[in-house]
Amino acid sequence: HPKMVYYTTLLPKEMKGPHLHKRRTGYITCLTGKVVAILKYADVYEEIILSSKEPKTIEVLPGVGLLTINLSNSISSLLNICAPAWHPEKPDNFQADFSDYDMNKWKKYLENNQ
């Protein structure tokens, strides 16, 4: 059951992450704009396009790395409904290693869609 809801924005072409949570599950929906959510399961990557024009919600399980990139030329916004809730005495935000992920595809996309 959700314990926390938060709203975040990404500036045009901005990236957030990569990070992961060891205890938290998140359910992420794009409210405005268009982003790619890149999930890392062990050594396998999954790329999911999230868009306000075709709304869907993705589940990000504990231990799954997440990198989001705004593919829009305007601000994109995401809603994350998650559990457990953030607590200052129980930090659960960790750097995820995406060093073996090839970002060239998204760099070219962003360069060609200005």
C-alpha atoms as a PDB file:
ATOM      1  CA  HIS A   1       0.000   0.000   0.000  1.00  0.00           C
ATOM      2  CA  PRO A   2       1.360   3.451  -0.882  1.00  0.00           C
ATOM      3  CA  LYS A   3       2.858   5.397   2.003  1.00  0.00           C
ATOM      4  CA  MET A   4       4.163   8.464   0.171  1.00  0.00           C
ATOM      5  CA  VAL A   5       3.462  10.466  -2.974  1.00  0.00           C
ATOM      6  CA  TYR A   6       5.874  12.889  -4.549  1.00  0.00           C
ATOM      7  CA  TYR A   7       6.024  15.013  -7.650  1.00  0.00           C
ATOM      8  CA  THR A   8       9.225  15.793  -9.507  1.00  0.00           C
ATOM      9  CA  THR A   9      10.072  17.742 -12.624  1.00  0.00           C
ATOM     10  CA  LEU A  10      12.808  17.431 -15.227  1.00  0.00           C
ATOM     11  CA  LEU A  11      13.976  20.383 -17.291  1.00  0.00           C
ATOM     12  CA  PRO A  12      14.216  19.888 -21.064  1.00  0.00           C
ATOM     13  CA  LYS A  13      16.768  17.149 -21.823  1.00  0.00           C
ATOM     14  CA  GLU A  14      17.584  16.768 -18.095  1.00  0.00           C
ATOM     15  CA  MET A  15      18.605  13.405 -16.610  1.00  0.00           C
ATOM     16  CA  LYS A  16      17.875  12.251 -13.057  1.00  0.00           C
ATOM     17  CA  GLY A  17      19.665   9.319 -11.540  1.00  0.00           C
ATOM     18  CA  PRO A  18      20.771   6.691 -11.834  1.00  0.00           C
ATOM     19  CA  HIS A  19      19.781   5.609  -8.374  1.00  0.00           C
ATOM     20  CA  LEU A  20      18.047   2.734  -6.631  1.00  0.00           C
ATOM     21  CA  HIS A  21      16.203   1.963  -3.433  1.00  0.00           C
ATOM     22  CA  LYS A  22      16.885  -1.177  -1.426  1.00  0.00           C
ATOM     23  CA  ARG A  23      13.526  -1.201   0.400  1.00  0.00           C
ATOM     24  CA  ARG A  24      11.173   1.092  -1.533  1.00  0.00           C
ATOM     25  CA  THR A  25       8.857   0.169  -4.402  1.00  0.00           C
ATOM     26  CA  GLY A  26       7.766   3.046  -6.629  1.00  0.00           C
ATOM     27  CA  TYR A  27       4.927   3.452  -9.103  1.00  0.00           C
ATOM     28  CA  ILE A  28       5.827   6.196 -11.579  1.00  0.00           C
ATOM     29  CA  THR A  29       3.532   8.003 -14.025  1.00  0.00           C
ATOM     30  CA  CYS A  30       4.394  10.841 -16.418  1.00  0.00           C
ATOM     31  CA  LEU A  31       1.925  13.708 -15.932  1.00  0.00           C
ATOM     32  CA  THR A  32       3.354  16.171 -18.460  1.00  0.00           C
ATOM     33  CA  GLY A  33       5.842  15.796 -21.294  1.00  0.00           C
ATOM     34  CA  LYS A  34       7.752  12.684 -22.337  1.00  0.00           C
ATOM     35  CA  VAL A  35      10.547  10.787 -20.591  1.00  0.00           C
ATOM     36  CA  VAL A  36      12.427   7.562 -20.985  1.00  0.00           C
ATOM     37  CA  ALA A  37      12.743   5.499 -17.824  1.00  0.00           C
ATOM     38  CA  ILE A  38      15.749   3.193 -18.021  1.00  0.00           C
ATOM     39  CA  LEU A  39      15.542   0.354 -15.530  1.00  0.00           C
ATOM     40  CA  LYS A  40      18.481  -1.864 -14.630  1.00  0.00           C
ATOM     41  CA  TYR A  41      17.746  -5.383 -13.419  1.00  0.00           C
ATOM     42  CA  ALA A  42      21.137  -6.893 -12.438  1.00  0.00           C
ATOM     43  CA  ASP A  43      22.890  -6.724 -15.852  1.00  0.00           C
ATOM     44  CA  VAL A  44      19.815  -6.227 -18.051  1.00  0.00           C
ATOM     45  CA  TYR A  45      18.396  -2.845 -19.060  1.00  0.00           C
ATOM     46  CA  GLU A  46      14.812  -2.035 -19.982  1.00  0.00           C
ATOM     47  CA  GLU A  47      13.831   1.248 -21.654  1.00  0.00           C
ATOM     48  CA  ILE A  48      10.254   2.442 -21.172  1.00  0.00           C
ATOM     49  CA  ILE A  49       8.829   5.584 -22.745  1.00  0.00           C
ATOM     50  CA  LEU A  50       6.469   7.451 -20.430  1.00  0.00           C
ATOM     51  CA  SER A  51       4.290  10.180 -21.898  1.00  0.00           C
ATOM     52  CA  SER A  52       1.358  12.292 -20.791  1.00  0.00           C
ATOM     53  CA  LYS A  53      -0.195  11.589 -24.211  1.00  0.00           C
ATOM     54  CA  GLU A  54      -0.191   7.831 -23.574  1.00  0.00           C
ATOM     55  CA  PRO A  55      -0.385   7.531 -19.773  1.00  0.00           C
ATOM     56  CA  LYS A  56       0.853   4.408 -18.050  1.00  0.00           C
ATOM     57  CA  THR A  57       2.385   3.578 -14.709  1.00  0.00           C
ATOM     58  CA  ILE A  58       5.549   1.562 -14.219  1.00  0.00           C
ATOM     59  CA  GLU A  59       6.573  -0.368 -11.127  1.00  0.00           C
ATOM     60  CA  VAL A  60      10.146   0.033  -9.897  1.00  0.00           C
ATOM     61  CA  LEU A  61      10.963  -2.701  -7.407  1.00  0.00           C
ATOM     62  CA  PRO A  62      13.605  -2.521  -4.669  1.00  0.00           C
ATOM     63  CA  GLY A  63      17.104  -3.083  -6.051  1.00  0.00           C
ATOM     64  CA  VAL A  64      16.207  -1.941  -9.576  1.00  0.00           C
ATOM     65  CA  GLY A  65      18.283   0.972 -10.861  1.00  0.00           C
ATOM     66  CA  LEU A  66      16.450   3.900 -12.427  1.00  0.00           C
ATOM     67  CA  LEU A  67      17.605   6.664 -14.757  1.00  0.00           C
ATOM     68  CA  THR A  68      15.069   9.111 -16.221  1.00  0.00           C
ATOM     69  CA  ILE A  69      15.710  11.412 -19.175  1.00  0.00           C
ATOM     70  CA  ASN A  70      13.379  14.162 -20.315  1.00  0.00           C
ATOM     71  CA  LEU A  71      12.891  13.720 -24.057  1.00  0.00           C
ATOM     72  CA  SER A  72      10.780  16.882 -24.327  1.00  0.00           C
ATOM     73  CA  ASN A  73      11.717  20.426 -25.217  1.00  0.00           C
ATOM     74  CA  SER A  74       9.646  21.528 -22.220  1.00  0.00           C
ATOM     75  CA  ILE A  75       9.461  20.560 -18.562  1.00  0.00           C
ATOM     76  CA  SER A  76       8.261  17.010 -17.901  1.00  0.00           C
ATOM     77  CA  SER A  77       6.709  15.984 -14.604  1.00  0.00           C
ATOM     78  CA  LEU A  78       6.499  12.621 -12.869  1.00  0.00           C
ATOM     79  CA  LEU A  79       4.330  11.370 -10.039  1.00  0.00           C
ATOM     80  CA  ASN A  80       5.803   8.647  -7.832  1.00  0.00           C
ATOM     81  CA  ILE A  81       3.577   6.737  -5.423  1.00  0.00           C
ATOM     82  CA  CYS A  82       5.779   4.588  -3.239  1.00  0.00           C
ATOM     83  CA  ALA A  83       6.235   2.569  -0.070  1.00  0.00           C
ATOM     84  CA  PRO A  84       7.740   2.693   2.418  1.00  0.00           C
ATOM     85  CA  ALA A  85       7.794   6.452   2.909  1.00  0.00           C
ATOM     86  CA  TRP A  86      11.034   8.402   3.094  1.00  0.00           C
ATOM     87  CA  HIS A  87      12.360   8.834   6.625  1.00  0.00           C
ATOM     88  CA  PRO A  88      15.518  10.751   7.635  1.00  0.00           C
ATOM     89  CA  GLU A  89      16.585   7.982  10.018  1.00  0.00           C
ATOM     90  CA  LYS A  90      16.247   5.279   7.351  1.00  0.00           C
ATOM     91  CA  PRO A  91      18.013   6.502   4.198  1.00  0.00           C
ATOM     92  CA  ASP A  92      17.176   4.403   1.150  1.00  0.00           C
ATOM     93  CA  ASN A  93      18.607   6.288  -1.817  1.00  0.00           C
ATOM     94  CA  PHE A  94      21.729   4.768  -3.383  1.00  0.00           C
ATOM     95  CA  GLN A  95      23.794   5.420  -6.501  1.00  0.00           C
ATOM     96  CA  ALA A  96      23.195   2.831  -9.241  1.00  0.00           C
ATOM     97  CA  ASP A  97      25.985   1.800 -11.610  1.00  0.00           C
ATOM     98  CA  PHE A  98      25.003   2.441 -15.230  1.00  0.00           C
ATOM     99  CA  SER A  99      28.606   2.645 -16.484  1.00  0.00           C
ATOM    100  CA  ASP A 100      27.998  -0.217 -18.940  1.00  0.00           C
ATOM    101  CA  TYR A 101      24.858   1.403 -20.414  1.00  0.00           C
ATOM    102  CA  ASP A 102      25.240   2.949 -23.879  1.00  0.00           C
ATOM    103  CA  MET A 103      23.780   6.474 -23.729  1.00  0.00           C
ATOM    104  CA  ASN A 104      24.567   7.261 -27.383  1.00  0.00           C
ATOM    105  CA  LYS A 105      21.047   6.487 -28.590  1.00  0.00           C
ATOM    106  CA  TRP A 106      19.517   9.066 -26.233  1.00  0.00           C
ATOM    107  CA  LYS A 107      22.251  11.650 -26.833  1.00  0.00           C
ATOM    108  CA  LYS A 108      21.531  11.433 -30.577  1.00  0.00           C
ATOM    109  CA  TYR A 109      17.788  11.619 -29.951  1.00  0.00           C
ATOM    110  CA  LEU A 110      18.191  14.762 -27.868  1.00  0.00           C
ATOM    111  CA  GLU A 111      20.533  16.363 -30.419  1.00  0.00           C
ATOM    112  CA  ASN A 112      18.094  15.680 -33.288  1.00  0.00           C
ATOM    113  CA  ASN A 113      14.972  16.874 -31.447  1.00  0.00           C
ATOM    114  CA  GLN A 114      15.805  20.439 -30.471  1.00  0.00           C
END
